[in-house]
Amino acid sequence: VHGIATAAGCQLVGMCDLAVASSEARFAVSGINV
């Protein structure tokens, strides 16, 4: 994971068995904003 992982992208991270992230990565489930 690098950059952003938002909404279904954040879901992808959650569904992977393991995750390694860059310290600059950011996560959100932002559908509620729209």
PDB file of all heavy atoms in Angstrom:
ATOM      1  N   VAL A   1       0.823  -1.207   0.000  1.00  0.00           N
ATOM      2  CA  VAL A   1       0.000   0.000   0.000  1.00  0.00           C
ATOM      3  C   VAL A   1       0.862   1.264   0.000  1.00  0.00           C
ATOM      4  O   VAL A   1       1.707   1.449   0.879  1.00  0.00           O
ATOM      5  CB  VAL A   1      -0.943   0.036   1.217  1.00  0.00           C
ATOM      6  CG1 VAL A   1      -1.948   1.162   1.064  1.00  0.00           C
ATOM      7  CG2 VAL A   1      -1.659  -1.298   1.387  1.00  0.00           C
ATOM      8  N   HIS A   2       0.601   2.121  -0.993  1.00  0.00           N
ATOM      9  CA  HIS A   2       1.230   3.433  -1.028  1.00  0.00           C
ATOM     10  C   HIS A   2       0.167   4.448  -1.436  1.00  0.00           C
ATOM     11  O   HIS A   2      -0.898   4.082  -1.935  1.00  0.00           O
ATOM     12  CB  HIS A   2       2.402   3.457  -2.024  1.00  0.00           C
ATOM     13  CG  HIS A   2       1.959   3.468  -3.451  1.00  0.00           C
ATOM     14  ND1 HIS A   2       1.341   2.384  -4.051  1.00  0.00           N
ATOM     15  CD2 HIS A   2       2.015   4.449  -4.393  1.00  0.00           C
ATOM     16  CE1 HIS A   2       1.053   2.687  -5.310  1.00  0.00           C
ATOM     17  NE2 HIS A   2       1.446   3.930  -5.549  1.00  0.00           N
ATOM     18  N   GLY A   3       0.436   5.723  -1.219  1.00  0.00           N
ATOM     19  CA  GLY A   3      -0.545   6.735  -1.588  1.00  0.00           C
ATOM     20  C   GLY A   3      -1.824   6.572  -0.788  1.00  0.00           C
ATOM     21  O   GLY A   3      -1.788   6.405   0.432  1.00  0.00           O
ATOM     22  N   ILE A   4      -2.949   6.609  -1.492  1.00  0.00           N
ATOM     23  CA  ILE A   4      -4.231   6.472  -0.805  1.00  0.00           C
ATOM     24  C   ILE A   4      -4.863   5.100  -1.050  1.00  0.00           C
ATOM     25  O   ILE A   4      -4.659   4.483  -2.102  1.00  0.00           O
ATOM     26  CB  ILE A   4      -5.224   7.572  -1.231  1.00  0.00           C
ATOM     27  CG1 ILE A   4      -5.514   7.502  -2.741  1.00  0.00           C
ATOM     28  CG2 ILE A   4      -4.733   8.939  -0.808  1.00  0.00           C
ATOM     29  CD1 ILE A   4      -6.675   8.367  -3.184  1.00  0.00           C
ATOM     30  N   ALA A   5      -5.604   4.643  -0.070  1.00  0.00           N
ATOM     31  CA  ALA A   5      -6.458   3.462  -0.190  1.00  0.00           C
ATOM     32  C   ALA A   5      -7.807   3.883   0.368  1.00  0.00           C
ATOM     33  O   ALA A   5      -7.982   3.961   1.592  1.00  0.00           O
ATOM     34  CB  ALA A   5      -5.882   2.284   0.587  1.00  0.00           C
ATOM     35  N   THR A   6      -8.744   4.213  -0.517  1.00  0.00           N
ATOM     36  CA  THR A   6     -10.014   4.766  -0.071  1.00  0.00           C
ATOM     37  C   THR A   6     -11.181   3.902  -0.511  1.00  0.00           C
ATOM     38  O   THR A   6     -11.135   3.259  -1.561  1.00  0.00           O
ATOM     39  CB  THR A   6     -10.214   6.197  -0.606  1.00  0.00           C
ATOM     40  OG1 THR A   6     -10.070   6.205  -2.026  1.00  0.00           O
ATOM     41  CG2 THR A   6      -9.199   7.136  -0.006  1.00  0.00           C
ATOM     42  N   ALA A   7     -12.256   3.908   0.308  1.00  0.00           N
ATOM     43  CA  ALA A   7     -13.504   3.193   0.003  1.00  0.00           C
ATOM     44  C   ALA A   7     -13.201   1.740  -0.349  1.00  0.00           C
ATOM     45  O   ALA A   7     -12.640   1.025   0.475  1.00  0.00           O
ATOM     46  CB  ALA A   7     -14.269   3.927  -1.098  1.00  0.00           C
ATOM     47  N   ALA A   8     -13.557   1.287  -1.558  1.00  0.00           N
ATOM     48  CA  ALA A   8     -13.304  -0.103  -1.929  1.00  0.00           C
ATOM     49  C   ALA A   8     -11.814  -0.408  -1.991  1.00  0.00           C
ATOM     50  O   ALA A   8     -11.410  -1.575  -1.910  1.00  0.00           O
ATOM     51  CB  ALA A   8     -13.966  -0.425  -3.266  1.00  0.00           C
ATOM     52  N   GLY A   9     -10.960   0.621  -2.130  1.00  0.00           N
ATOM     53  CA  GLY A   9      -9.519   0.407  -2.054  1.00  0.00           C
ATOM     54  C   GLY A   9      -9.092   0.059  -0.644  1.00  0.00           C
ATOM     55  O   GLY A   9      -8.226  -0.802  -0.431  1.00  0.00           O
ATOM     56  N   CYS A  10      -9.701   0.703   0.337  1.00  0.00           N
ATOM     57  CA  CYS A  10      -9.468   0.353   1.733  1.00  0.00           C
ATOM     58  C   CYS A  10     -10.025  -1.043   2.024  1.00  0.00           C
ATOM     59  O   CYS A  10      -9.437  -1.819   2.776  1.00  0.00           O
ATOM     60  CB  CYS A  10     -10.124   1.401   2.625  1.00  0.00           C
ATOM     61  SG  CYS A  10      -9.622   1.362   4.352  1.00  0.00           S
ATOM     62  N   GLN A  11     -11.147  -1.363   1.397  1.00  0.00           N
ATOM     63  CA  GLN A  11     -11.727  -2.703   1.507  1.00  0.00           C
ATOM     64  C   GLN A  11     -10.768  -3.755   0.987  1.00  0.00           C
ATOM     65  O   GLN A  11     -10.605  -4.829   1.593  1.00  0.00           O
ATOM     66  CB  GLN A  11     -13.042  -2.744   0.722  1.00  0.00           C
ATOM     67  CG  GLN A  11     -13.769  -4.082   0.751  1.00  0.00           C
ATOM     68  CD  GLN A  11     -15.013  -4.061  -0.129  1.00  0.00           C
ATOM     69  OE1 GLN A  11     -15.307  -3.073  -0.802  1.00  0.00           O
ATOM     70  NE2 GLN A  11     -15.750  -5.157  -0.150  1.00  0.00           N
ATOM     71  N   LEU A  12     -10.099  -3.472  -0.130  1.00  0.00           N
ATOM     72  CA  LEU A  12      -9.109  -4.402  -0.678  1.00  0.00           C
ATOM     73  C   LEU A  12      -8.010  -4.688   0.341  1.00  0.00           C
ATOM     74  O   LEU A  12      -7.601  -5.841   0.519  1.00  0.00           O
ATOM     75  CB  LEU A  12      -8.486  -3.825  -1.951  1.00  0.00           C
ATOM     76  CG  LEU A  12      -9.078  -4.196  -3.298  1.00  0.00           C
ATOM     77  CD1 LEU A  12      -8.304  -3.497  -4.414  1.00  0.00           C
ATOM     78  CD2 LEU A  12      -9.077  -5.703  -3.528  1.00  0.00           C
ATOM     79  N   VAL A  13      -7.525  -3.638   0.991  1.00  0.00           N
ATOM     80  CA  VAL A  13      -6.491  -3.823   2.005  1.00  0.00           C
ATOM     81  C   VAL A  13      -7.004  -4.746   3.109  1.00  0.00           C
ATOM     82  O   VAL A  13      -6.317  -5.670   3.551  1.00  0.00           O
ATOM     83  CB  VAL A  13      -6.051  -2.471   2.596  1.00  0.00           C
ATOM     84  CG1 VAL A  13      -5.029  -2.683   3.713  1.00  0.00           C
ATOM     85  CG2 VAL A  13      -5.463  -1.578   1.509  1.00  0.00           C
ATOM     86  N   GLY A  14      -8.231  -4.504   3.541  1.00  0.00           N
ATOM     87  CA  GLY A  14      -8.814  -5.308   4.608  1.00  0.00           C
ATOM     88  C   GLY A  14      -9.029  -6.759   4.230  1.00  0.00           C
ATOM     89  O   GLY A  14      -8.977  -7.641   5.090  1.00  0.00           O
ATOM     90  N   MET A  15      -9.258  -7.033   2.956  1.00  0.00           N
ATOM     91  CA  MET A  15      -9.515  -8.397   2.508  1.00  0.00           C
ATOM     92  C   MET A  15      -8.240  -9.170   2.205  1.00  0.00           C
ATOM     93  O   MET A  15      -8.271 -10.402   2.102  1.00  0.00           O
ATOM     94  CB  MET A  15     -10.423  -8.387   1.282  1.00  0.00           C
ATOM     95  CG  MET A  15     -11.844  -7.944   1.575  1.00  0.00           C
ATOM     96  SD  MET A  15     -12.693  -8.926   2.851  1.00  0.00           S
ATOM     97  CE  MET A  15     -12.857 -10.506   2.003  1.00  0.00           C
ATOM     98  N   CYS A  16      -7.117  -8.473   2.042  1.00  0.00           N
ATOM     99  CA  CYS A  16      -5.850  -9.178   1.897  1.00  0.00           C
ATOM    100  C   CYS A  16      -5.465  -9.791   3.242  1.00  0.00           C
ATOM    101  O   CYS A  16      -5.790  -9.258   4.295  1.00  0.00           O
ATOM    102  CB  CYS A  16      -4.760  -8.221   1.411  1.00  0.00           C
ATOM    103  SG  CYS A  16      -4.939  -7.696  -0.315  1.00  0.00           S
ATOM    104  N   ASP A  17      -4.754 -10.902   3.199  1.00  0.00           N
ATOM    105  CA  ASP A  17      -4.380 -11.584   4.435  1.00  0.00           C
ATOM    106  C   ASP A  17      -3.401 -10.755   5.262  1.00  0.00           C
ATOM    107  O   ASP A  17      -3.418 -10.796   6.494  1.00  0.00           O
ATOM    108  CB  ASP A  17      -3.731 -12.936   4.114  1.00  0.00           C
ATOM    109  CG  ASP A  17      -4.624 -13.798   3.246  1.00  0.00           C
ATOM    110  OD1 ASP A  17      -5.761 -14.077   3.659  1.00  0.00           O
ATOM    111  OD2 ASP A  17      -4.185 -14.185   2.141  1.00  0.00           O
ATOM    112  N   LEU A  18      -2.551 -10.013   4.564  1.00  0.00           N
ATOM    113  CA  LEU A  18      -1.506  -9.221   5.205  1.00  0.00           C
ATOM    114  C   LEU A  18      -1.386  -7.904   4.461  1.00  0.00           C
ATOM    115  O   LEU A  18      -1.806  -7.802   3.308  1.00  0.00           O
ATOM    116  CB  LEU A  18      -0.163  -9.960   5.163  1.00  0.00           C
ATOM    117  CG  LEU A  18      -0.124 -11.348   5.817  1.00  0.00           C
ATOM    118  CD1 LEU A  18       1.052 -12.155   5.300  1.00  0.00           C
ATOM    119  CD2 LEU A  18      -0.065 -11.223   7.334  1.00  0.00           C
ATOM    120  N   ALA A  19      -0.805  -6.892   5.101  1.00  0.00           N
ATOM    121  CA  ALA A  19      -0.628  -5.606   4.429  1.00  0.00           C
ATOM    122  C   ALA A  19       0.612  -4.909   4.948  1.00  0.00           C
ATOM    123  O   ALA A  19       0.845  -4.849   6.160  1.00  0.00           O
ATOM    124  CB  ALA A  19      -1.851  -4.714   4.636  1.00  0.00           C
ATOM    125  N   VAL A  20       1.397  -4.401   4.005  1.00  0.00           N
ATOM    126  CA  VAL A  20       2.566  -3.584   4.318  1.00  0.00           C
ATOM    127  C   VAL A  20       2.325  -2.215   3.702  1.00  0.00           C
ATOM    128  O   VAL A  20       2.008  -2.111   2.516  1.00  0.00           O
ATOM    129  CB  VAL A  20       3.864  -4.197   3.760  1.00  0.00           C
ATOM    130  CG1 VAL A  20       5.059  -3.311   4.104  1.00  0.00           C
ATOM    131  CG2 VAL A  20       4.073  -5.607   4.296  1.00  0.00           C
ATOM    132  N   ALA A  21       2.467  -1.164   4.493  1.00  0.00           N
ATOM    133  CA  ALA A  21       2.138   0.184   4.029  1.00  0.00           C
ATOM    134  C   ALA A  21       3.336   1.111   4.092  1.00  0.00           C
ATOM    135  O   ALA A  21       4.160   1.028   5.013  1.00  0.00           O
ATOM    136  CB  ALA A  21       0.996   0.774   4.856  1.00  0.00           C
ATOM    137  N   SER A  22       3.418   1.989   3.110  1.00  0.00           N
ATOM    138  CA  SER A  22       4.347   3.109   3.171  1.00  0.00           C
ATOM    139  C   SER A  22       3.905   4.045   4.285  1.00  0.00           C
ATOM    140  O   SER A  22       2.698   4.216   4.536  1.00  0.00           O
ATOM    141  CB  SER A  22       4.346   3.850   1.830  1.00  0.00           C
ATOM    142  OG  SER A  22       4.846   5.162   1.974  1.00  0.00           O
ATOM    143  N   SER A  23       4.864   4.675   4.937  1.00  0.00           N
ATOM    144  CA  SER A  23       4.536   5.614   6.011  1.00  0.00           C
ATOM    145  C   SER A  23       3.755   6.818   5.495  1.00  0.00           C
ATOM    146  O   SER A  23       3.131   7.538   6.276  1.00  0.00           O
ATOM    147  CB  SER A  23       5.821   6.096   6.696  1.00  0.00           C
ATOM    148  OG  SER A  23       6.703   6.693   5.758  1.00  0.00           O
ATOM    149  N   GLU A  24       3.773   7.019   4.183  1.00  0.00           N
ATOM    150  CA  GLU A  24       3.028   8.125   3.589  1.00  0.00           C
ATOM    151  C   GLU A  24       1.624   7.722   3.138  1.00  0.00           C
ATOM    152  O   GLU A  24       0.872   8.569   2.644  1.00  0.00           O
ATOM    153  CB  GLU A  24       3.809   8.688   2.401  1.00  0.00           C
ATOM    154  CG  GLU A  24       5.151   9.312   2.795  1.00  0.00           C
ATOM    155  CD  GLU A  24       5.912   9.856   1.609  1.00  0.00           C
ATOM    156  OE1 GLU A  24       5.489   9.606   0.456  1.00  0.00           O
ATOM    157  OE2 GLU A  24       6.937  10.534   1.834  1.00  0.00           O
ATOM    158  N   ALA A  25       1.271   6.449   3.300  1.00  0.00           N
ATOM    159  CA  ALA A  25      -0.058   5.975   2.875  1.00  0.00           C
ATOM    160  C   ALA A  25      -1.146   6.549   3.779  1.00  0.00           C
ATOM    161  O   ALA A  25      -0.918   6.831   4.962  1.00  0.00           O
ATOM    162  CB  ALA A  25      -0.107   4.451   2.903  1.00  0.00           C
ATOM    163  N   ARG A  26      -2.334   6.705   3.191  1.00  0.00           N
ATOM    164  CA  ARG A  26      -3.487   7.205   3.937  1.00  0.00           C
ATOM    165  C   ARG A  26      -4.707   6.369   3.587  1.00  0.00           C
ATOM    166  O   ARG A  26      -4.851   5.904   2.451  1.00  0.00           O
ATOM    167  CB  ARG A  26      -3.726   8.684   3.627  1.00  0.00           C
ATOM    168  CG  ARG A  26      -2.560   9.577   3.989  1.00  0.00           C
ATOM    169  CD  ARG A  26      -2.729  10.969   3.432  1.00  0.00           C
ATOM    170  NE  ARG A  26      -3.776  11.695   4.130  1.00  0.00           N
ATOM    171  CZ  ARG A  26      -4.703  12.448   3.543  1.00  0.00           C
ATOM    172  NH1 ARG A  26      -4.749  12.565   2.223  1.00  0.00           N
ATOM    173  NH2 ARG A  26      -5.594  13.093   4.274  1.00  0.00           N
ATOM    174  N   PHE A  27      -5.602   6.211   4.562  1.00  0.00           N
ATOM    175  CA  PHE A  27      -6.730   5.302   4.431  1.00  0.00           C
ATOM    176  C   PHE A  27      -8.026   6.006   4.807  1.00  0.00           C
ATOM    177  O   PHE A  27      -8.082   6.763   5.775  1.00  0.00           O
ATOM    178  CB  PHE A  27      -6.541   4.087   5.348  1.00  0.00           C
ATOM    179  CG  PHE A  27      -5.248   3.339   5.117  1.00  0.00           C
ATOM    180  CD1 PHE A  27      -4.059   3.811   5.660  1.00  0.00           C
ATOM    181  CD2 PHE A  27      -5.224   2.183   4.368  1.00  0.00           C
ATOM    182  CE1 PHE A  27      -2.861   3.135   5.459  1.00  0.00           C
ATOM    183  CE2 PHE A  27      -4.042   1.494   4.165  1.00  0.00           C
ATOM    184  CZ  PHE A  27      -2.858   1.977   4.707  1.00  0.00           C
ATOM    185  N   ALA A  28      -9.099   5.714   4.052  1.00  0.00           N
ATOM    186  CA  ALA A  28     -10.409   6.271   4.388  1.00  0.00           C
ATOM    187  C   ALA A  28     -11.493   5.438   3.708  1.00  0.00           C
ATOM    188  O   ALA A  28     -11.251   4.789   2.686  1.00  0.00           O
ATOM    189  CB  ALA A  28     -10.520   7.730   3.943  1.00  0.00           C
ATOM    190  N   VAL A  29     -12.681   5.461   4.295  1.00  0.00           N
ATOM    191  CA  VAL A  29     -13.884   4.941   3.632  1.00  0.00           C
ATOM    192  C   VAL A  29     -14.804   6.148   3.490  1.00  0.00           C
ATOM    193  O   VAL A  29     -15.622   6.439   4.342  1.00  0.00           O
ATOM    194  CB  VAL A  29     -14.525   3.776   4.413  1.00  0.00           C
ATOM    195  CG1 VAL A  29     -13.836   2.466   4.085  1.00  0.00           C
ATOM    196  CG2 VAL A  29     -14.447   4.001   5.925  1.00  0.00           C
ATOM    197  N   SER A  30     -14.625   6.850   2.388  1.00  0.00           N
ATOM    198  CA  SER A  30     -15.141   8.206   2.247  1.00  0.00           C
ATOM    199  C   SER A  30     -16.445   8.317   1.473  1.00  0.00           C
ATOM    200  O   SER A  30     -16.861   9.427   1.129  1.00  0.00           O
ATOM    201  CB  SER A  30     -14.072   9.069   1.565  1.00  0.00           C
ATOM    202  OG  SER A  30     -13.521   8.406   0.443  1.00  0.00           O
ATOM    203  N   GLY A  31     -17.120   7.210   1.223  1.00  0.00           N
ATOM    204  CA  GLY A  31     -18.390   7.275   0.506  1.00  0.00           C
ATOM    205  C   GLY A  31     -19.408   8.171   1.182  1.00  0.00           C
ATOM    206  O   GLY A  31     -20.203   8.842   0.514  1.00  0.00           O
ATOM    207  N   ILE A  32     -19.356   8.206   2.511  1.00  0.00           N
ATOM    208  CA  ILE A  32     -20.322   9.010   3.263  1.00  0.00           C
ATOM    209  C   ILE A  32     -20.251  10.481   2.853  1.00  0.00           C
ATOM    210  O   ILE A  32     -21.247  11.216   2.940  1.00  0.00           O
ATOM    211  CB  ILE A  32     -20.079   8.856   4.789  1.00  0.00           C
ATOM    212  CG1 ILE A  32     -21.287   9.331   5.594  1.00  0.00           C
ATOM    213  CG2 ILE A  32     -18.808   9.533   5.217  1.00  0.00           C
ATOM    214  CD1 ILE A  32     -22.496   8.450   5.460  1.00  0.00           C
ATOM    215  N   ASN A  33     -19.104  10.931   2.360  1.00  0.00           N
ATOM    216  CA  ASN A  33     -18.941  12.330   1.953  1.00  0.00           C
ATOM    217  C   ASN A  33     -19.744  12.676   0.706  1.00  0.00           C
ATOM    218  O   ASN A  33     -19.999  13.855   0.446  1.00  0.00           O
ATOM    219  CB  ASN A  33     -17.463  12.635   1.701  1.00  0.00           C
ATOM    220  CG  ASN A  33     -16.633  12.527   2.965  1.00  0.00           C
ATOM    221  OD1 ASN A  33     -17.128  12.708   4.069  1.00  0.00           O
ATOM    222  ND2 ASN A  33     -15.359  12.220   2.809  1.00  0.00           N
ATOM    223  N   VAL A  34     -20.128  11.647  -0.078  1.00  0.00           N
ATOM    224  CA  VAL A  34     -20.939  11.882  -1.279  1.00  0.00           C
ATOM    225  C   VAL A  34     -22.321  11.255  -1.132  1.00  0.00           C
ATOM    226  O   VAL A  34     -22.999  10.967  -2.115  1.00  0.00           O
ATOM    227  CB  VAL A  34     -20.224  11.364  -2.551  1.00  0.00           C
ATOM    228  CG1 VAL A  34     -18.950  12.137  -2.790  1.00  0.00           C
ATOM    229  CG2 VAL A  34     -19.944   9.863  -2.478  1.00  0.00           C
TER     230      VAL A  34
END
